[in-house]
Amino acid sequence: NFVPNAFRYGALLVMHDLTGDDSYARIAADLKATLRRTMMKNGFFVDNPGSSHTGLHTAMFALRFGLAESDEIARHQAIIRDRGMRCSVYGAQFLLEACFENGLDDLGVKLMSDDGICSWMNMMRCGSTVTMECWDNSLKPNQDWSHPWGSAPANIIPRYVVGVRPTAPGFEKFVVKPSHAAPGRFFLRQPTPFGAIEVHKEKGKVQVTLTGTDRKLSETAPGEYCVN
């Protein structure tokens, strides 16, 4: 199946980044070659070697883990746009990451703010105070209402919409690069080990400050910061 193999491919790349051990990169390259040989048909990744179908999950994981080549991205993007939130609450994390990492920022914002049955707005309508295991009781009557891993917007908004991401351990260096799909006005406070990064956008201007610390903030390049 494509999806678990895509997860494995992504994990191998992370292990290479963490350890510097090139054996992980070699195994990942072999796995990618196998996936392309067995599950790439007519320019699309398919759900399994015996299938000719490309599901939402296959398309989104092909983009999320960088398995699609540059000339294949648009056709997998089209599948994601067409299908929308046809995945679980758990899968929504990876769908949103695939959107924001592949130029579908507008779709990512739309999916987070939708109010259909498969939405966080629906969870609130149901009366939940913590994200639910499933989007609605009609989809899983025996679900529980305490699944914090379903709170994807809580990390997608700061990381991708506002664009606050560390580039060194502990946020000693970080970037602030708001998405083009971000609201015209917003305020975000991002906790760090040394204090809080505050990002305020008003009338098209973005202001970045530090609070709760006597350390100083330097902008080393447009949108790139260092804490001294």
C-alpha atoms as a PDB file:
ATOM      1  CA  ASN A   1       0.000   0.000   0.000  1.00  0.00           C
ATOM      2  CA  PHE A   2       1.210   3.484  -0.832  1.00  0.00           C
ATOM      3  CA  VAL A   3       0.426   5.312   2.411  1.00  0.00           C
ATOM      4  CA  PRO A   4       2.442   3.228   4.953  1.00  0.00           C
ATOM      5  CA  ASN A   5       5.358   3.123   2.540  1.00  0.00           C
ATOM      6  CA  ALA A   6       5.189   6.915   2.194  1.00  0.00           C
ATOM      7  CA  PHE A   7       5.314   7.209   5.992  1.00  0.00           C
ATOM      8  CA  ARG A   8       8.360   4.936   6.031  1.00  0.00           C
ATOM      9  CA  TYR A   9      10.048   7.032   3.346  1.00  0.00           C
ATOM     10  CA  GLY A  10       9.462  10.200   5.367  1.00  0.00           C
ATOM     11  CA  ALA A  11      10.763   8.547   8.550  1.00  0.00           C
ATOM     12  CA  LEU A  12      13.960   7.466   6.789  1.00  0.00           C
ATOM     13  CA  LEU A  13      14.605  11.029   5.622  1.00  0.00           C
ATOM     14  CA  VAL A  14      14.079  12.327   9.178  1.00  0.00           C
ATOM     15  CA  MET A  15      16.494   9.719  10.547  1.00  0.00           C
ATOM     16  CA  HIS A  16      19.075  10.846   8.011  1.00  0.00           C
ATOM     17  CA  ASP A  17      18.617  14.462   9.117  1.00  0.00           C
ATOM     18  CA  LEU A  18      18.876  13.526  12.806  1.00  0.00           C
ATOM     19  CA  THR A  19      21.874  11.208  12.582  1.00  0.00           C
ATOM     20  CA  GLY A  20      23.753  12.165   9.424  1.00  0.00           C
ATOM     21  CA  ASP A  21      23.950   8.440   8.649  1.00  0.00           C
ATOM     22  CA  ASP A  22      23.867   8.124   4.859  1.00  0.00           C
ATOM     23  CA  SER A  23      22.527   4.573   5.060  1.00  0.00           C
ATOM     24  CA  TYR A  24      19.089   6.030   5.833  1.00  0.00           C
ATOM     25  CA  ALA A  25      19.239   8.170   2.702  1.00  0.00           C
ATOM     26  CA  ARG A  26      20.243   5.162   0.590  1.00  0.00           C
ATOM     27  CA  ILE A  27      17.366   3.056   1.934  1.00  0.00           C
ATOM     28  CA  ALA A  28      14.981   5.976   1.298  1.00  0.00           C
ATOM     29  CA  ALA A  29      16.210   6.340  -2.288  1.00  0.00           C
ATOM     30  CA  ASP A  30      15.726   2.598  -2.896  1.00  0.00           C
ATOM     31  CA  LEU A  31      12.220   2.761  -1.428  1.00  0.00           C
ATOM     32  CA  LYS A  32      11.311   5.761  -3.580  1.00  0.00           C
ATOM     33  CA  ALA A  33      12.525   3.952  -6.689  1.00  0.00           C
ATOM     34  CA  THR A  34      10.426   0.909  -5.764  1.00  0.00           C
ATOM     35  CA  LEU A  35       7.325   3.042  -5.168  1.00  0.00           C
ATOM     36  CA  ARG A  36       7.765   4.754  -8.506  1.00  0.00           C
ATOM     37  CA  ARG A  37       8.261   1.442 -10.279  1.00  0.00           C
ATOM     38  CA  THR A  38       5.286  -0.328  -8.705  1.00  0.00           C
ATOM     39  CA  MET A  39       2.775   2.434  -7.903  1.00  0.00           C
ATOM     40  CA  MET A  40       3.270   5.190 -10.499  1.00  0.00           C
ATOM     41  CA  LYS A  41       0.818   4.898 -13.389  1.00  0.00           C
ATOM     42  CA  ASN A  42       0.175   7.533 -16.062  1.00  0.00           C
ATOM     43  CA  GLY A  43       1.795  10.236 -13.972  1.00  0.00           C
ATOM     44  CA  PHE A  44      -0.144   9.452 -10.779  1.00  0.00           C
ATOM     45  CA  PHE A  45       0.762   7.454  -7.704  1.00  0.00           C
ATOM     46  CA  VAL A  46      -1.908   4.796  -7.152  1.00  0.00           C
ATOM     47  CA  ASP A  47      -3.202   3.281  -3.918  1.00  0.00           C
ATOM     48  CA  ASN A  48      -1.470  -0.086  -4.344  1.00  0.00           C
ATOM     49  CA  PRO A  49       0.368  -1.977  -7.114  1.00  0.00           C
ATOM     50  CA  GLY A  50      -2.825  -3.662  -8.343  1.00  0.00           C
ATOM     51  CA  SER A  51      -4.892  -0.462  -8.462  1.00  0.00           C
ATOM     52  CA  SER A  52      -5.463   2.258 -11.028  1.00  0.00           C
ATOM     53  CA  HIS A  53      -7.093   4.576  -8.453  1.00  0.00           C
ATOM     54  CA  THR A  54      -5.489   7.555  -6.714  1.00  0.00           C
ATOM     55  CA  GLY A  55      -7.223   8.322  -3.437  1.00  0.00           C
ATOM     56  CA  LEU A  56      -6.953  11.528  -1.443  1.00  0.00           C
ATOM     57  CA  HIS A  57      -4.562   9.853   0.987  1.00  0.00           C
ATOM     58  CA  THR A  58      -2.251   8.713  -1.787  1.00  0.00           C
ATOM     59  CA  ALA A  59      -2.191  12.178  -3.359  1.00  0.00           C
ATOM     60  CA  MET A  60      -1.639  14.034  -0.110  1.00  0.00           C
ATOM     61  CA  PHE A  61       1.127  11.756   1.151  1.00  0.00           C
ATOM     62  CA  ALA A  62       2.861  11.847  -2.231  1.00  0.00           C
ATOM     63  CA  LEU A  63       3.074  15.628  -1.776  1.00  0.00           C
ATOM     64  CA  ARG A  64       3.643  15.690   1.986  1.00  0.00           C
ATOM     65  CA  PHE A  65       6.707  13.444   1.817  1.00  0.00           C
ATOM     66  CA  GLY A  66       8.087  14.784  -1.463  1.00  0.00           C
ATOM     67  CA  LEU A  67       7.604  11.624  -3.496  1.00  0.00           C
ATOM     68  CA  ALA A  68       5.977  13.425  -6.437  1.00  0.00           C
ATOM     69  CA  GLU A  69       8.403  14.967  -8.927  1.00  0.00           C
ATOM     70  CA  SER A  70       7.977  18.601  -9.986  1.00  0.00           C
ATOM     71  CA  ASP A  71       6.007  17.740 -13.148  1.00  0.00           C
ATOM     72  CA  GLU A  72       3.658  15.497 -11.128  1.00  0.00           C
ATOM     73  CA  ILE A  73       2.767  17.948  -8.368  1.00  0.00           C
ATOM     74  CA  ALA A  74      -0.041  19.785 -10.175  1.00  0.00           C
ATOM     75  CA  ARG A  75      -2.033  16.652 -10.963  1.00  0.00           C
ATOM     76  CA  HIS A  76      -1.814  15.471  -7.334  1.00  0.00           C
ATOM     77  CA  GLN A  77      -2.782  18.979  -6.181  1.00  0.00           C
ATOM     78  CA  ALA A  78      -5.886  18.736  -8.369  1.00  0.00           C
ATOM     79  CA  ILE A  79      -6.972  15.560  -6.576  1.00  0.00           C
ATOM     80  CA  ILE A  80      -6.584  17.258  -3.192  1.00  0.00           C
ATOM     81  CA  ARG A  81      -8.613  20.266  -4.307  1.00  0.00           C
ATOM     82  CA  ASP A  82     -11.343  18.004  -5.656  1.00  0.00           C
ATOM     83  CA  ARG A  83     -11.627  15.746  -2.596  1.00  0.00           C
ATOM     84  CA  GLY A  84     -11.360  18.266   0.234  1.00  0.00           C
ATOM     85  CA  MET A  85     -11.493  16.980   3.820  1.00  0.00           C
ATOM     86  CA  ARG A  86     -12.219  13.347   2.978  1.00  0.00           C
ATOM     87  CA  CYS A  87      -9.875  12.022   5.610  1.00  0.00           C
ATOM     88  CA  SER A  88      -9.940  11.408   9.330  1.00  0.00           C
ATOM     89  CA  VAL A  89      -9.203  13.966  12.023  1.00  0.00           C
ATOM     90  CA  TYR A  90      -5.772  12.340  12.344  1.00  0.00           C
ATOM     91  CA  GLY A  91      -5.145  12.539   8.602  1.00  0.00           C
ATOM     92  CA  ALA A  92      -6.072  16.236   8.558  1.00  0.00           C
ATOM     93  CA  GLN A  93      -2.663  17.099  10.027  1.00  0.00           C
ATOM     94  CA  PHE A  94      -0.884  15.655   6.999  1.00  0.00           C
ATOM     95  CA  LEU A  95      -3.414  16.995   4.516  1.00  0.00           C
ATOM     96  CA  LEU A  96      -2.894  20.532   5.802  1.00  0.00           C
ATOM     97  CA  GLU A  97       0.890  20.131   5.756  1.00  0.00           C
ATOM     98  CA  ALA A  98       0.682  18.887   2.166  1.00  0.00           C
ATOM     99  CA  CYS A  99      -1.362  21.973   1.274  1.00  0.00           C
ATOM    100  CA  PHE A 100       0.921  24.557   2.834  1.00  0.00           C
ATOM    101  CA  GLU A 101       4.126  22.902   1.637  1.00  0.00           C
ATOM    102  CA  ASN A 102       2.892  22.688  -1.956  1.00  0.00           C
ATOM    103  CA  GLY A 103       1.345  26.056  -2.729  1.00  0.00           C
ATOM    104  CA  LEU A 104      -2.222  25.247  -1.683  1.00  0.00           C
ATOM    105  CA  ASP A 105      -2.286  27.757   1.174  1.00  0.00           C
ATOM    106  CA  ASP A 106      -5.725  29.042   0.205  1.00  0.00           C
ATOM    107  CA  LEU A 107      -7.147  25.525   0.381  1.00  0.00           C
ATOM    108  CA  GLY A 108      -5.452  24.909   3.721  1.00  0.00           C
ATOM    109  CA  VAL A 109      -7.069  28.014   5.237  1.00  0.00           C
ATOM    110  CA  LYS A 110     -10.425  27.062   3.723  1.00  0.00           C
ATOM    111  CA  LEU A 111     -10.280  23.541   5.155  1.00  0.00           C
ATOM    112  CA  MET A 112      -9.530  24.884   8.637  1.00  0.00           C
ATOM    113  CA  SER A 113     -12.393  27.402   8.522  1.00  0.00           C
ATOM    114  CA  ASP A 114     -15.044  25.244   6.847  1.00  0.00           C
ATOM    115  CA  ASP A 115     -18.201  24.470   8.815  1.00  0.00           C
ATOM    116  CA  GLY A 116     -19.343  21.222   7.174  1.00  0.00           C
ATOM    117  CA  ILE A 117     -19.613  17.900   8.969  1.00  0.00           C
ATOM    118  CA  CYS A 118     -15.879  17.195   8.556  1.00  0.00           C
ATOM    119  CA  SER A 119     -14.653  20.320  10.299  1.00  0.00           C
ATOM    120  CA  TRP A 120     -13.498  21.714  13.612  1.00  0.00           C
ATOM    121  CA  MET A 121     -16.493  24.047  13.557  1.00  0.00           C
ATOM    122  CA  ASN A 122     -18.695  20.959  13.606  1.00  0.00           C
ATOM    123  CA  MET A 123     -16.884  19.703  16.696  1.00  0.00           C
ATOM    124  CA  MET A 124     -17.771  22.966  18.440  1.00  0.00           C
ATOM    125  CA  ARG A 125     -21.381  22.662  17.288  1.00  0.00           C
ATOM    126  CA  CYS A 126     -21.452  19.212  18.859  1.00  0.00           C
ATOM    127  CA  GLY A 127     -20.415  20.750  22.179  1.00  0.00           C
ATOM    128  CA  SER A 128     -16.889  19.391  22.358  1.00  0.00           C
ATOM    129  CA  THR A 129     -14.286  21.299  24.382  1.00  0.00           C
ATOM    130  CA  VAL A 130     -11.403  19.055  23.258  1.00  0.00           C
ATOM    131  CA  THR A 131     -10.951  17.805  19.708  1.00  0.00           C
ATOM    132  CA  MET A 132     -12.894  14.641  19.019  1.00  0.00           C
ATOM    133  CA  GLU A 133     -11.709  11.267  17.767  1.00  0.00           C
ATOM    134  CA  CYS A 134     -13.927  11.550  14.688  1.00  0.00           C
ATOM    135  CA  TRP A 135     -15.548  14.497  12.931  1.00  0.00           C
ATOM    136  CA  ASP A 136     -19.092  13.607  14.048  1.00  0.00           C
ATOM    137  CA  ASN A 137     -21.009  10.995  16.036  1.00  0.00           C
ATOM    138  CA  SER A 138     -22.855   9.995  12.859  1.00  0.00           C
ATOM    139  CA  LEU A 139     -19.532   8.758  11.470  1.00  0.00           C
ATOM    140  CA  LYS A 140     -18.420   6.924  14.644  1.00  0.00           C
ATOM    141  CA  PRO A 141     -21.085   6.617  17.346  1.00  0.00           C
ATOM    142  CA  ASN A 142     -18.675   5.087  19.901  1.00  0.00           C
ATOM    143  CA  GLN A 143     -15.987   7.765  19.580  1.00  0.00           C
ATOM    144  CA  ASP A 144     -14.504   9.601  22.532  1.00  0.00           C
ATOM    145  CA  TRP A 145     -14.198  13.358  22.798  1.00  0.00           C
ATOM    146  CA  SER A 146     -10.631  13.671  24.038  1.00  0.00           C
ATOM    147  CA  HIS A 147      -8.184  13.336  21.168  1.00  0.00           C
ATOM    148  CA  PRO A 148      -5.708  16.246  21.352  1.00  0.00           C
ATOM    149  CA  TRP A 149      -3.861  14.920  18.286  1.00  0.00           C
ATOM    150  CA  GLY A 150      -6.889  16.117  16.329  1.00  0.00           C
ATOM    151  CA  SER A 151      -6.018  19.776  16.976  1.00  0.00           C
ATOM    152  CA  ALA A 152      -4.031  20.291  13.766  1.00  0.00           C
ATOM    153  CA  PRO A 153      -4.874  24.028  13.376  1.00  0.00           C
ATOM    154  CA  ALA A 154      -3.155  24.666  16.737  1.00  0.00           C
ATOM    155  CA  ASN A 155       0.212  23.955  15.107  1.00  0.00           C
ATOM    156  CA  ILE A 156      -0.624  24.689  11.451  1.00  0.00           C
ATOM    157  CA  ILE A 157      -1.650  28.305  12.172  1.00  0.00           C
ATOM    158  CA  PRO A 158       1.635  29.341  13.872  1.00  0.00           C
ATOM    159  CA  ARG A 159       3.909  27.253  11.616  1.00  0.00           C
ATOM    160  CA  TYR A 160       2.327  27.891   8.235  1.00  0.00           C
ATOM    161  CA  VAL A 161      -0.298  30.648   8.334  1.00  0.00           C
ATOM    162  CA  VAL A 162       1.747  33.057  10.464  1.00  0.00           C
ATOM    163  CA  GLY A 163       4.931  31.272   9.396  1.00  0.00           C
ATOM    164  CA  VAL A 164       6.894  31.149  12.674  1.00  0.00           C
ATOM    165  CA  ARG A 165       9.392  28.303  12.419  1.00  0.00           C
ATOM    166  CA  PRO A 166      12.671  27.650  14.283  1.00  0.00           C
ATOM    167  CA  THR A 167      15.845  27.319  12.230  1.00  0.00           C
ATOM    168  CA  ALA A 168      18.025  26.499  15.245  1.00  0.00           C
ATOM    169  CA  PRO A 169      17.321  24.555  18.464  1.00  0.00           C
ATOM    170  CA  GLY A 170      15.178  26.374  21.027  1.00  0.00           C
ATOM    171  CA  PHE A 171      14.198  29.168  18.615  1.00  0.00           C
ATOM    172  CA  GLU A 172      17.644  30.793  18.971  1.00  0.00           C
ATOM    173  CA  LYS A 173      17.122  31.483  15.274  1.00  0.00           C
ATOM    174  CA  PHE A 174      13.758  31.503  13.556  1.00  0.00           C
ATOM    175  CA  VAL A 175      11.839  32.789  10.557  1.00  0.00           C
ATOM    176  CA  VAL A 176       8.547  34.665  10.348  1.00  0.00           C
ATOM    177  CA  LYS A 177       7.121  34.308   6.858  1.00  0.00           C
ATOM    178  CA  PRO A 178       3.324  34.660   6.831  1.00  0.00           C
ATOM    179  CA  SER A 179       1.392  32.824   4.141  1.00  0.00           C
ATOM    180  CA  HIS A 180      -0.134  34.809   1.302  1.00  0.00           C
ATOM    181  CA  ALA A 181      -3.441  33.300   2.470  1.00  0.00           C
ATOM    182  CA  ALA A 182      -3.070  34.674   6.011  1.00  0.00           C
ATOM    183  CA  PRO A 183      -5.691  37.159   7.246  1.00  0.00           C
ATOM    184  CA  GLY A 184      -4.972  40.831   6.766  1.00  0.00           C
ATOM    185  CA  ARG A 185      -4.892  41.300  10.530  1.00  0.00           C
ATOM    186  CA  PHE A 186      -3.658  38.863  13.176  1.00  0.00           C
ATOM    187  CA  PHE A 187      -1.757  38.507  16.445  1.00  0.00           C
ATOM    188  CA  LEU A 188       0.215  35.439  17.543  1.00  0.00           C
ATOM    189  CA  ARG A 189       2.219  34.747  20.692  1.00  0.00           C
ATOM    190  CA  GLN A 190       4.653  31.821  20.279  1.00  0.00           C
ATOM    191  CA  PRO A 191       6.182  30.531  23.556  1.00  0.00           C
ATOM    192  CA  THR A 192       9.913  29.667  23.494  1.00  0.00           C
ATOM    193  CA  PRO A 193      12.433  28.632  26.202  1.00  0.00           C
ATOM    194  CA  PHE A 194      13.617  32.242  26.594  1.00  0.00           C
ATOM    195  CA  GLY A 195      10.353  34.160  26.259  1.00  0.00           C
ATOM    196  CA  ALA A 196       7.544  34.728  23.798  1.00  0.00           C
ATOM    197  CA  ILE A 197       7.789  35.703  20.155  1.00  0.00           C
ATOM    198  CA  GLU A 198       4.918  38.034  19.307  1.00  0.00           C
ATOM    199  CA  VAL A 199       3.870  38.574  15.697  1.00  0.00           C
ATOM    200  CA  HIS A 200       1.393  41.338  14.929  1.00  0.00           C
ATOM    201  CA  LYS A 201       0.083  42.126  11.462  1.00  0.00           C
ATOM    202  CA  GLU A 202      -1.925  45.283  10.900  1.00  0.00           C
ATOM    203  CA  LYS A 203      -2.533  47.264   7.690  1.00  0.00           C
ATOM    204  CA  GLY A 204      -0.171  45.094   5.706  1.00  0.00           C
ATOM    205  CA  LYS A 205       2.772  45.486   8.096  1.00  0.00           C
ATOM    206  CA  VAL A 206       4.209  42.646  10.198  1.00  0.00           C
ATOM    207  CA  GLN A 207       5.885  43.475  13.529  1.00  0.00           C
ATOM    208  CA  VAL A 208       7.938  40.882  15.430  1.00  0.00           C
ATOM    209  CA  THR A 209       8.925  41.409  19.083  1.00  0.00           C
ATOM    210  CA  LEU A 210      10.148  39.452  22.117  1.00  0.00           C
ATOM    211  CA  THR A 211       8.469  39.595  25.525  1.00  0.00           C
ATOM    212  CA  GLY A 212       9.299  38.154  28.932  1.00  0.00           C
ATOM    213  CA  THR A 213      13.063  38.241  28.379  1.00  0.00           C
ATOM    214  CA  ASP A 214      15.958  40.693  28.494  1.00  0.00           C
ATOM    215  CA  ARG A 215      17.518  39.105  25.407  1.00  0.00           C
ATOM    216  CA  LYS A 216      17.630  41.086  22.175  1.00  0.00           C
ATOM    217  CA  LEU A 217      16.162  40.286  18.787  1.00  0.00           C
ATOM    218  CA  SER A 218      18.056  40.927  15.551  1.00  0.00           C
ATOM    219  CA  GLU A 219      16.673  40.654  12.033  1.00  0.00           C
ATOM    220  CA  THR A 220      19.524  39.099  10.044  1.00  0.00           C
ATOM    221  CA  ALA A 221      17.642  39.075   6.726  1.00  0.00           C
ATOM    222  CA  PRO A 222      14.065  39.855   5.688  1.00  0.00           C
ATOM    223  CA  GLY A 223      11.873  37.589   7.820  1.00  0.00           C
ATOM    224  CA  GLU A 224      14.861  35.887   9.513  1.00  0.00           C
ATOM    225  CA  TYR A 225      15.710  36.528  13.176  1.00  0.00           C
ATOM    226  CA  CYS A 226      18.378  35.745  15.758  1.00  0.00           C
ATOM    227  CA  VAL A 227      18.074  35.988  19.535  1.00  0.00           C
ATOM    228  CA  ASN A 228      21.172  37.437  21.227  1.00  0.00           C
END
